[in-house]
């Protein structure tokens, strides 16, 4: 993921999300509710 942005109306949820997950890797995305984890997924 490179520079991913996503808004819902006036609410900005993802603000330039960068992440690289390697082949065969288990990557955990950790964060509080509302930080954008599920939107990214």
ModelCIF file with pLDDT and N, C-alpha, C, O atoms, coordinates in Angstrom:
data_MODEL
#
_entry.id   MODEL 
#
_entity.id                         1 
_entity.type                       polymer 
_entity.pdbx_number_of_molecules   1 
#
_entity_poly.entity_id                      1 
_entity_poly.type                           'polypeptide(L)' 
_entity_poly.nstd_linkage                   no 
_entity_poly.nstd_monomer                   no 
_entity_poly.pdbx_seq_one_letter_code       
;(UNK)(UNK)(UNK)(UNK)(UNK)(UNK)(UNK)(UNK)(UNK)(UNK)(UNK)(UNK)(UNK)(UNK)(UNK)(UNK)
(UNK)(UNK)(UNK)(UNK)(UNK)(UNK)(UNK)(UNK)(UNK)(UNK)(UNK)(UNK)(UNK)(UNK)(UNK)(UNK)
(UNK)(UNK)(UNK)(UNK)(UNK)(UNK)(UNK)(UNK)(UNK)
;
_entity_poly.pdbx_seq_one_letter_code_can   XXXXXXXXXXXXXXXXXXXXXXXXXXXXXXXXXXXXXXXXX 
_entity_poly.pdbx_strand_id                 A 
#
loop_
_entity_poly_seq.entity_id 
_entity_poly_seq.num 
_entity_poly_seq.mon_id 
_entity_poly_seq.hetero 
1 1  UNK n 
1 2  UNK n 
1 3  UNK n 
1 4  UNK n 
1 5  UNK n 
1 6  UNK n 
1 7  UNK n 
1 8  UNK n 
1 9  UNK n 
1 10 UNK n 
1 11 UNK n 
1 12 UNK n 
1 13 UNK n 
1 14 UNK n 
1 15 UNK n 
1 16 UNK n 
1 17 UNK n 
1 18 UNK n 
1 19 UNK n 
1 20 UNK n 
1 21 UNK n 
1 22 UNK n 
1 23 UNK n 
1 24 UNK n 
1 25 UNK n 
1 26 UNK n 
1 27 UNK n 
1 28 UNK n 
1 29 UNK n 
1 30 UNK n 
1 31 UNK n 
1 32 UNK n 
1 33 UNK n 
1 34 UNK n 
1 35 UNK n 
1 36 UNK n 
1 37 UNK n 
1 38 UNK n 
1 39 UNK n 
1 40 UNK n 
1 41 UNK n 
#
_struct_asym.id          A 
_struct_asym.entity_id   1 
#
loop_
_ma_qa_metric.id 
_ma_qa_metric.mode 
_ma_qa_metric.name 
_ma_qa_metric.software_group_id 
_ma_qa_metric.type 
1 global pLDDT . pLDDT 
2 local  pLDDT . pLDDT 
#
_ma_qa_metric_global.metric_id      1 
_ma_qa_metric_global.metric_value   95.54 
_ma_qa_metric_global.model_id       1 
_ma_qa_metric_global.ordinal_id     1 
#
loop_
_ma_qa_metric_local.label_asym_id 
_ma_qa_metric_local.label_comp_id 
_ma_qa_metric_local.label_seq_id 
_ma_qa_metric_local.metric_id 
_ma_qa_metric_local.metric_value 
_ma_qa_metric_local.model_id 
_ma_qa_metric_local.ordinal_id 
A UNK 1  2 97.00 1 1  
A UNK 2  2 97.00 1 2  
A UNK 3  2 97.00 1 3  
A UNK 4  2 97.00 1 4  
A UNK 5  2 97.00 1 5  
A UNK 6  2 97.00 1 6  
A UNK 7  2 96.00 1 7  
A UNK 8  2 95.00 1 8  
A UNK 9  2 93.00 1 9  
A UNK 10 2 94.00 1 10 
A UNK 11 2 95.00 1 11 
A UNK 12 2 96.00 1 12 
A UNK 13 2 96.00 1 13 
A UNK 14 2 97.00 1 14 
A UNK 15 2 96.00 1 15 
A UNK 16 2 95.00 1 16 
A UNK 17 2 96.00 1 17 
A UNK 18 2 97.00 1 18 
A UNK 19 2 97.00 1 19 
A UNK 20 2 97.00 1 20 
A UNK 21 2 97.00 1 21 
A UNK 22 2 96.00 1 22 
A UNK 23 2 95.00 1 23 
A UNK 24 2 94.00 1 24 
A UNK 25 2 97.00 1 25 
A UNK 26 2 97.00 1 26 
A UNK 27 2 98.00 1 27 
A UNK 28 2 97.00 1 28 
A UNK 29 2 97.00 1 29 
A UNK 30 2 96.00 1 30 
A UNK 31 2 93.00 1 31 
A UNK 32 2 92.00 1 32 
A UNK 33 2 90.00 1 33 
A UNK 34 2 91.00 1 34 
A UNK 35 2 94.00 1 35 
A UNK 36 2 94.00 1 36 
A UNK 37 2 95.00 1 37 
A UNK 38 2 94.00 1 38 
A UNK 39 2 96.00 1 39 
A UNK 40 2 96.00 1 40 
A UNK 41 2 96.00 1 41 
#
loop_
_atom_site.group_PDB 
_atom_site.id 
_atom_site.type_symbol 
_atom_site.label_atom_id 
_atom_site.label_alt_id 
_atom_site.label_comp_id 
_atom_site.label_asym_id 
_atom_site.label_entity_id 
_atom_site.label_seq_id 
_atom_site.pdbx_PDB_ins_code 
_atom_site.Cartn_x 
_atom_site.Cartn_y 
_atom_site.Cartn_z 
_atom_site.occupancy 
_atom_site.B_iso_or_equiv 
_atom_site.pdbx_formal_charge 
_atom_site.auth_seq_id 
_atom_site.auth_comp_id 
_atom_site.auth_asym_id 
_atom_site.auth_atom_id 
_atom_site.pdbx_PDB_model_num 
ATOM 1   N N  . UNK A 1 1  ? 0.863   -1.175  0.000  1.00 97.00 ? 1  UNK A N  1 
ATOM 2   C CA . UNK A 1 1  ? 0.000   0.000   0.000  1.00 97.00 ? 1  UNK A CA 1 
ATOM 3   C C  . UNK A 1 1  ? 0.903   1.230   0.000  1.00 97.00 ? 1  UNK A C  1 
ATOM 4   O O  . UNK A 1 1  ? 1.813   1.341   0.821  1.00 97.00 ? 1  UNK A O  1 
ATOM 5   N N  . UNK A 1 2  ? 0.647   2.143   -0.918 1.00 97.00 ? 2  UNK A N  1 
ATOM 6   C CA . UNK A 1 2  ? 1.484   3.339   -1.035 1.00 97.00 ? 2  UNK A CA 1 
ATOM 7   C C  . UNK A 1 2  ? 0.603   4.578   -1.106 1.00 97.00 ? 2  UNK A C  1 
ATOM 8   O O  . UNK A 1 2  ? -0.119  4.784   -2.081 1.00 97.00 ? 2  UNK A O  1 
ATOM 9   N N  . UNK A 1 3  ? 0.669   5.401   -0.063 1.00 97.00 ? 3  UNK A N  1 
ATOM 10  C CA . UNK A 1 3  ? -0.050  6.671   -0.044 1.00 97.00 ? 3  UNK A CA 1 
ATOM 11  C C  . UNK A 1 3  ? -1.553  6.536   -0.120 1.00 97.00 ? 3  UNK A C  1 
ATOM 12  O O  . UNK A 1 3  ? -2.218  7.380   -0.721 1.00 97.00 ? 3  UNK A O  1 
ATOM 13  N N  . UNK A 1 4  ? -2.108  5.485   0.480  1.00 97.00 ? 4  UNK A N  1 
ATOM 14  C CA . UNK A 1 4  ? -3.548  5.243   0.394  1.00 97.00 ? 4  UNK A CA 1 
ATOM 15  C C  . UNK A 1 4  ? -4.313  6.277   1.228  1.00 97.00 ? 4  UNK A C  1 
ATOM 16  O O  . UNK A 1 4  ? -4.038  6.481   2.410  1.00 97.00 ? 4  UNK A O  1 
ATOM 17  N N  . UNK A 1 5  ? -5.275  6.916   0.571  1.00 97.00 ? 5  UNK A N  1 
ATOM 18  C CA . UNK A 1 5  ? -6.144  7.875   1.248  1.00 97.00 ? 5  UNK A CA 1 
ATOM 19  C C  . UNK A 1 5  ? -7.608  7.498   1.019  1.00 97.00 ? 5  UNK A C  1 
ATOM 20  O O  . UNK A 1 5  ? -7.976  7.016   -0.052 1.00 97.00 ? 5  UNK A O  1 
ATOM 21  N N  . UNK A 1 6  ? -8.426  7.723   2.031  1.00 97.00 ? 6  UNK A N  1 
ATOM 22  C CA . UNK A 1 6  ? -9.852  7.450   1.900  1.00 97.00 ? 6  UNK A CA 1 
ATOM 23  C C  . UNK A 1 6  ? -10.627 8.350   2.847  1.00 97.00 ? 6  UNK A C  1 
ATOM 24  O O  . UNK A 1 6  ? -10.310 8.466   4.030  1.00 97.00 ? 6  UNK A O  1 
ATOM 25  N N  . UNK A 1 7  ? -11.669 8.994   2.281  1.00 96.00 ? 7  UNK A N  1 
ATOM 26  C CA . UNK A 1 7  ? -12.549 9.841   3.077  1.00 96.00 ? 7  UNK A CA 1 
ATOM 27  C C  . UNK A 1 7  ? -13.982 9.406   2.872  1.00 96.00 ? 7  UNK A C  1 
ATOM 28  O O  . UNK A 1 7  ? -14.338 8.862   1.826  1.00 96.00 ? 7  UNK A O  1 
ATOM 29  N N  . UNK A 1 8  ? -14.800 9.649   3.875  1.00 95.00 ? 8  UNK A N  1 
ATOM 30  C CA . UNK A 1 8  ? -16.233 9.454   3.784  1.00 95.00 ? 8  UNK A CA 1 
ATOM 31  C C  . UNK A 1 8  ? -16.882 10.807  4.063  1.00 95.00 ? 8  UNK A C  1 
ATOM 32  O O  . UNK A 1 8  ? -17.002 11.224  5.215  1.00 95.00 ? 8  UNK A O  1 
ATOM 33  N N  . UNK A 1 9  ? -17.291 11.470  3.018  1.00 93.00 ? 9  UNK A N  1 
ATOM 34  C CA . UNK A 1 9  ? -17.774 12.834  3.169  1.00 93.00 ? 9  UNK A CA 1 
ATOM 35  C C  . UNK A 1 9  ? -16.638 13.737  3.608  1.00 93.00 ? 9  UNK A C  1 
ATOM 36  O O  . UNK A 1 9  ? -15.566 13.749  3.001  1.00 93.00 ? 9  UNK A O  1 
ATOM 37  N N  . UNK A 1 10 ? -16.882 14.493  4.668  1.00 94.00 ? 10 UNK A N  1 
ATOM 38  C CA . UNK A 1 10 ? -15.838 15.399  5.171  1.00 94.00 ? 10 UNK A CA 1 
ATOM 39  C C  . UNK A 1 10 ? -14.874 14.710  6.116  1.00 94.00 ? 10 UNK A C  1 
ATOM 40  O O  . UNK A 1 10 ? -13.909 15.325  6.569  1.00 94.00 ? 10 UNK A O  1 
ATOM 41  N N  . UNK A 1 11 ? -15.119 13.429  6.424  1.00 95.00 ? 11 UNK A N  1 
ATOM 42  C CA . UNK A 1 11 ? -14.278 12.726  7.407  1.00 95.00 ? 11 UNK A CA 1 
ATOM 43  C C  . UNK A 1 11 ? -13.162 11.965  6.701  1.00 95.00 ? 11 UNK A C  1 
ATOM 44  O O  . UNK A 1 11 ? -13.420 11.043  5.927  1.00 95.00 ? 11 UNK A O  1 
ATOM 45  N N  . UNK A 1 12 ? -11.938 12.352  6.970  1.00 96.00 ? 12 UNK A N  1 
ATOM 46  C CA . UNK A 1 12 ? -10.760 11.683  6.402  1.00 96.00 ? 12 UNK A CA 1 
ATOM 47  C C  . UNK A 1 12 ? -10.378 10.513  7.298  1.00 96.00 ? 12 UNK A C  1 
ATOM 48  O O  . UNK A 1 12 ? -10.061 10.705  8.472  1.00 96.00 ? 12 UNK A O  1 
ATOM 49  N N  . UNK A 1 13 ? -10.408 9.288   6.742  1.00 96.00 ? 13 UNK A N  1 
ATOM 50  C CA . UNK A 1 13 ? -10.143 8.085   7.535  1.00 96.00 ? 13 UNK A CA 1 
ATOM 51  C C  . UNK A 1 13 ? -8.719  7.585   7.322  1.00 96.00 ? 13 UNK A C  1 
ATOM 52  O O  . UNK A 1 13 ? -8.016  7.306   8.293  1.00 96.00 ? 13 UNK A O  1 
ATOM 53  N N  . UNK A 1 14 ? -8.285  7.469   6.079  1.00 97.00 ? 14 UNK A N  1 
ATOM 54  C CA . UNK A 1 14 ? -6.900  7.096   5.770  1.00 97.00 ? 14 UNK A CA 1 
ATOM 55  C C  . UNK A 1 14 ? -6.198  8.316   5.193  1.00 97.00 ? 14 UNK A C  1 
ATOM 56  O O  . UNK A 1 14 ? -6.711  8.962   4.280  1.00 97.00 ? 14 UNK A O  1 
ATOM 57  N N  . UNK A 1 15 ? -5.011  8.633   5.735  1.00 96.00 ? 15 UNK A N  1 
ATOM 58  C CA . UNK A 1 15 ? -4.361  9.912   5.427  1.00 96.00 ? 15 UNK A CA 1 
ATOM 59  C C  . UNK A 1 15 ? -2.961  9.723   4.846  1.00 96.00 ? 15 UNK A C  1 
ATOM 60  O O  . UNK A 1 15 ? -2.021  10.426  5.216  1.00 96.00 ? 15 UNK A O  1 
ATOM 61  N N  . UNK A 1 16 ? -2.843  8.771   3.940  1.00 95.00 ? 16 UNK A N  1 
ATOM 62  C CA . UNK A 1 16 ? -1.530  8.477   3.369  1.00 95.00 ? 16 UNK A CA 1 
ATOM 63  C C  . UNK A 1 16 ? -0.941  7.251   4.025  1.00 95.00 ? 16 UNK A C  1 
ATOM 64  O O  . UNK A 1 16 ? 0.095   7.321   4.686  1.00 95.00 ? 16 UNK A O  1 
ATOM 65  N N  . UNK A 1 17 ? -1.608  6.126   3.838  1.00 96.00 ? 17 UNK A N  1 
ATOM 66  C CA . UNK A 1 17 ? -1.246  4.885   4.515  1.00 96.00 ? 17 UNK A CA 1 
ATOM 67  C C  . UNK A 1 17 ? -0.233  4.109   3.667  1.00 96.00 ? 17 UNK A C  1 
ATOM 68  O O  . UNK A 1 17 ? -0.502  3.805   2.504  1.00 96.00 ? 17 UNK A O  1 
ATOM 69  N N  . UNK A 1 18 ? 0.923   3.791   4.243  1.00 97.00 ? 18 UNK A N  1 
ATOM 70  C CA . UNK A 1 18 ? 1.976   3.037   3.562  1.00 97.00 ? 18 UNK A CA 1 
ATOM 71  C C  . UNK A 1 18 ? 2.267   1.765   4.344  1.00 97.00 ? 18 UNK A C  1 
ATOM 72  O O  . UNK A 1 18 ? 2.470   1.805   5.558  1.00 97.00 ? 18 UNK A O  1 
ATOM 73  N N  . UNK A 1 19 ? 2.285   0.627   3.637  1.00 97.00 ? 19 UNK A N  1 
ATOM 74  C CA . UNK A 1 19 ? 2.553   -0.649  4.298  1.00 97.00 ? 19 UNK A CA 1 
ATOM 75  C C  . UNK A 1 19 ? 3.010   -1.657  3.258  1.00 97.00 ? 19 UNK A C  1 
ATOM 76  O O  . UNK A 1 19 ? 2.460   -1.728  2.160  1.00 97.00 ? 19 UNK A O  1 
ATOM 77  N N  . UNK A 1 20 ? 4.025   -2.438  3.619  1.00 97.00 ? 20 UNK A N  1 
ATOM 78  C CA . UNK A 1 20 ? 4.497   -3.507  2.744  1.00 97.00 ? 20 UNK A CA 1 
ATOM 79  C C  . UNK A 1 20 ? 4.480   -4.820  3.515  1.00 97.00 ? 20 UNK A C  1 
ATOM 80  O O  . UNK A 1 20 ? 5.136   -4.952  4.548  1.00 97.00 ? 20 UNK A O  1 
ATOM 81  N N  . UNK A 1 21 ? 3.720   -5.795  3.003  1.00 97.00 ? 21 UNK A N  1 
ATOM 82  C CA . UNK A 1 21 ? 3.599   -7.110  3.621  1.00 97.00 ? 21 UNK A CA 1 
ATOM 83  C C  . UNK A 1 21 ? 4.304   -8.117  2.722  1.00 97.00 ? 21 UNK A C  1 
ATOM 84  O O  . UNK A 1 21 ? 3.959   -8.243  1.547  1.00 97.00 ? 21 UNK A O  1 
ATOM 85  N N  . UNK A 1 22 ? 5.286   -8.832  3.260  1.00 96.00 ? 22 UNK A N  1 
ATOM 86  C CA . UNK A 1 22 ? 6.093   -9.753  2.461  1.00 96.00 ? 22 UNK A CA 1 
ATOM 87  C C  . UNK A 1 22 ? 5.334   -11.028 2.147  1.00 96.00 ? 22 UNK A C  1 
ATOM 88  O O  . UNK A 1 22 ? 4.346   -11.353 2.805  1.00 96.00 ? 22 UNK A O  1 
ATOM 89  N N  . UNK A 1 23 ? 5.800   -11.747 1.138  1.00 95.00 ? 23 UNK A N  1 
ATOM 90  C CA . UNK A 1 23 ? 5.223   -13.040 0.784  1.00 95.00 ? 23 UNK A CA 1 
ATOM 91  C C  . UNK A 1 23 ? 5.232   -13.985 1.986  1.00 95.00 ? 23 UNK A C  1 
ATOM 92  O O  . UNK A 1 23 ? 6.265   -14.150 2.635  1.00 95.00 ? 23 UNK A O  1 
ATOM 93  N N  . UNK A 1 24 ? 4.111   -14.595 2.281  1.00 94.00 ? 24 UNK A N  1 
ATOM 94  C CA . UNK A 1 24 ? 4.031   -15.584 3.349  1.00 94.00 ? 24 UNK A CA 1 
ATOM 95  C C  . UNK A 1 24 ? 4.091   -15.030 4.754  1.00 94.00 ? 24 UNK A C  1 
ATOM 96  O O  . UNK A 1 24 ? 4.194   -15.796 5.712  1.00 94.00 ? 24 UNK A O  1 
ATOM 97  N N  . UNK A 1 25 ? 4.030   -13.725 4.901  1.00 97.00 ? 25 UNK A N  1 
ATOM 98  C CA . UNK A 1 25 ? 4.142   -13.084 6.210  1.00 97.00 ? 25 UNK A CA 1 
ATOM 99  C C  . UNK A 1 25 ? 2.767   -12.899 6.852  1.00 97.00 ? 25 UNK A C  1 
ATOM 100 O O  . UNK A 1 25 ? 1.782   -12.624 6.167  1.00 97.00 ? 25 UNK A O  1 
ATOM 101 N N  . UNK A 1 26 ? 2.715   -13.054 8.177  1.00 97.00 ? 26 UNK A N  1 
ATOM 102 C CA . UNK A 1 26 ? 1.528   -12.650 8.935  1.00 97.00 ? 26 UNK A CA 1 
ATOM 103 C C  . UNK A 1 26 ? 1.810   -11.264 9.501  1.00 97.00 ? 26 UNK A C  1 
ATOM 104 O O  . UNK A 1 26 ? 2.663   -11.100 10.373 1.00 97.00 ? 26 UNK A O  1 
ATOM 105 N N  . UNK A 1 27 ? 1.091   -10.280 9.000  1.00 98.00 ? 27 UNK A N  1 
ATOM 106 C CA . UNK A 1 27 ? 1.237   -8.897  9.450  1.00 98.00 ? 27 UNK A CA 1 
ATOM 107 C C  . UNK A 1 27 ? 0.031   -8.524  10.294 1.00 98.00 ? 27 UNK A C  1 
ATOM 108 O O  . UNK A 1 27 ? -1.104  -8.612  9.824  1.00 98.00 ? 27 UNK A O  1 
ATOM 109 N N  . UNK A 1 28 ? 0.258   -8.112  11.523 1.00 97.00 ? 28 UNK A N  1 
ATOM 110 C CA . UNK A 1 28 ? -0.824  -7.602  12.359 1.00 97.00 ? 28 UNK A CA 1 
ATOM 111 C C  . UNK A 1 28 ? -0.868  -6.090  12.238 1.00 97.00 ? 28 UNK A C  1 
ATOM 112 O O  . UNK A 1 28 ? 0.166   -5.424  12.293 1.00 97.00 ? 28 UNK A O  1 
ATOM 113 N N  . UNK A 1 29 ? -2.060  -5.552  12.074 1.00 97.00 ? 29 UNK A N  1 
ATOM 114 C CA . UNK A 1 29 ? -2.264  -4.104  12.081 1.00 97.00 ? 29 UNK A CA 1 
ATOM 115 C C  . UNK A 1 29 ? -2.974  -3.771  13.381 1.00 97.00 ? 29 UNK A C  1 
ATOM 116 O O  . UNK A 1 29 ? -4.129  -4.146  13.585 1.00 97.00 ? 29 UNK A O  1 
ATOM 117 N N  . UNK A 1 30 ? -2.276  -3.067  14.255 1.00 96.00 ? 30 UNK A N  1 
ATOM 118 C CA . UNK A 1 30 ? -2.736  -2.810  15.619 1.00 96.00 ? 30 UNK A CA 1 
ATOM 119 C C  . UNK A 1 30 ? -3.111  -1.349  15.781 1.00 96.00 ? 30 UNK A C  1 
ATOM 120 O O  . UNK A 1 30 ? -2.357  -0.457  15.392 1.00 96.00 ? 30 UNK A O  1 
ATOM 121 N N  . UNK A 1 31 ? -4.271  -1.113  16.353 1.00 93.00 ? 31 UNK A N  1 
ATOM 122 C CA . UNK A 1 31 ? -4.667  0.266   16.599 1.00 93.00 ? 31 UNK A CA 1 
ATOM 123 C C  . UNK A 1 31 ? -6.034  0.325   17.252 1.00 93.00 ? 31 UNK A C  1 
ATOM 124 O O  . UNK A 1 31 ? -6.765  -0.666  17.251 1.00 93.00 ? 31 UNK A O  1 
ATOM 125 N N  . UNK A 1 32 ? -6.392  1.484   17.815 1.00 92.00 ? 32 UNK A N  1 
ATOM 126 C CA . UNK A 1 32 ? -7.684  1.622   18.494 1.00 92.00 ? 32 UNK A CA 1 
ATOM 127 C C  . UNK A 1 32 ? -8.829  1.691   17.495 1.00 92.00 ? 32 UNK A C  1 
ATOM 128 O O  . UNK A 1 32 ? -8.611  1.889   16.300 1.00 92.00 ? 32 UNK A O  1 
ATOM 129 N N  . UNK A 1 33 ? -10.040 1.529   17.988 1.00 90.00 ? 33 UNK A N  1 
ATOM 130 C CA . UNK A 1 33 ? -11.217 1.660   17.140 1.00 90.00 ? 33 UNK A CA 1 
ATOM 131 C C  . UNK A 1 33 ? -11.246 3.053   16.507 1.00 90.00 ? 33 UNK A C  1 
ATOM 132 O O  . UNK A 1 33 ? -10.972 4.054   17.170 1.00 90.00 ? 33 UNK A O  1 
ATOM 133 N N  . UNK A 1 34 ? -11.582 3.100   15.221 1.00 91.00 ? 34 UNK A N  1 
ATOM 134 C CA . UNK A 1 34 ? -11.690 4.375   14.524 1.00 91.00 ? 34 UNK A CA 1 
ATOM 135 C C  . UNK A 1 34 ? -10.419 4.873   13.883 1.00 91.00 ? 34 UNK A C  1 
ATOM 136 O O  . UNK A 1 34 ? -10.417 5.947   13.283 1.00 91.00 ? 34 UNK A O  1 
ATOM 137 N N  . UNK A 1 35 ? -9.313  4.109   13.993 1.00 94.00 ? 35 UNK A N  1 
ATOM 138 C CA . UNK A 1 35 ? -8.046  4.602   13.432 1.00 94.00 ? 35 UNK A CA 1 
ATOM 139 C C  . UNK A 1 35 ? -7.924  4.318   11.934 1.00 94.00 ? 35 UNK A C  1 
ATOM 140 O O  . UNK A 1 35 ? -7.023  4.851   11.286 1.00 94.00 ? 35 UNK A O  1 
ATOM 141 N N  . UNK A 1 36 ? -8.812  3.490   11.367 1.00 94.00 ? 36 UNK A N  1 
ATOM 142 C CA . UNK A 1 36 ? -8.773  3.224   9.930  1.00 94.00 ? 36 UNK A CA 1 
ATOM 143 C C  . UNK A 1 36 ? -8.391  1.811   9.549  1.00 94.00 ? 36 UNK A C  1 
ATOM 144 O O  . UNK A 1 36 ? -8.222  1.519   8.366  1.00 94.00 ? 36 UNK A O  1 
ATOM 145 N N  . UNK A 1 37 ? -8.249  0.913   10.535 1.00 95.00 ? 37 UNK A N  1 
ATOM 146 C CA . UNK A 1 37 ? -7.779  -0.446  10.252 1.00 95.00 ? 37 UNK A CA 1 
ATOM 147 C C  . UNK A 1 37 ? -8.715  -1.202  9.300  1.00 95.00 ? 37 UNK A C  1 
ATOM 148 O O  . UNK A 1 37 ? -8.275  -1.749  8.290  1.00 95.00 ? 37 UNK A O  1 
ATOM 149 N N  . UNK A 1 38 ? -9.994  -1.223  9.631  1.00 94.00 ? 38 UNK A N  1 
ATOM 150 C CA . UNK A 1 38 ? -10.940 -1.990  8.817  1.00 94.00 ? 38 UNK A CA 1 
ATOM 151 C C  . UNK A 1 38 ? -11.121 -1.359  7.445  1.00 94.00 ? 38 UNK A C  1 
ATOM 152 O O  . UNK A 1 38 ? -11.289 -2.075  6.458  1.00 94.00 ? 38 UNK A O  1 
ATOM 153 N N  . UNK A 1 39 ? -11.091 -0.034  7.364  1.00 96.00 ? 39 UNK A N  1 
ATOM 154 C CA . UNK A 1 39 ? -11.177 0.627   6.055  1.00 96.00 ? 39 UNK A CA 1 
ATOM 155 C C  . UNK A 1 39 ? -10.007 0.207   5.174  1.00 96.00 ? 39 UNK A C  1 
ATOM 156 O O  . UNK A 1 39 ? -10.190 -0.074  3.989  1.00 96.00 ? 39 UNK A O  1 
ATOM 157 N N  . UNK A 1 40 ? -8.818  0.164   5.741  1.00 96.00 ? 40 UNK A N  1 
ATOM 158 C CA . UNK A 1 40 ? -7.647  -0.285  4.983  1.00 96.00 ? 40 UNK A CA 1 
ATOM 159 C C  . UNK A 1 40 ? -7.830  -1.719  4.500  1.00 96.00 ? 40 UNK A C  1 
ATOM 160 O O  . UNK A 1 40 ? -7.521  -2.042  3.353  1.00 96.00 ? 40 UNK A O  1 
ATOM 161 N N  . UNK A 1 41 ? -8.337  -2.581  5.391  1.00 96.00 ? 41 UNK A N  1 
ATOM 162 C CA . UNK A 1 41 ? -8.534  -3.985  5.039  1.00 96.00 ? 41 UNK A CA 1 
ATOM 163 C C  . UNK A 1 41 ? -9.559  -4.125  3.908  1.00 96.00 ? 41 UNK A C  1 
ATOM 164 O O  . UNK A 1 41 ? -9.854  -5.240  3.477  1.00 96.00 ? 41 UNK A O  1 
#
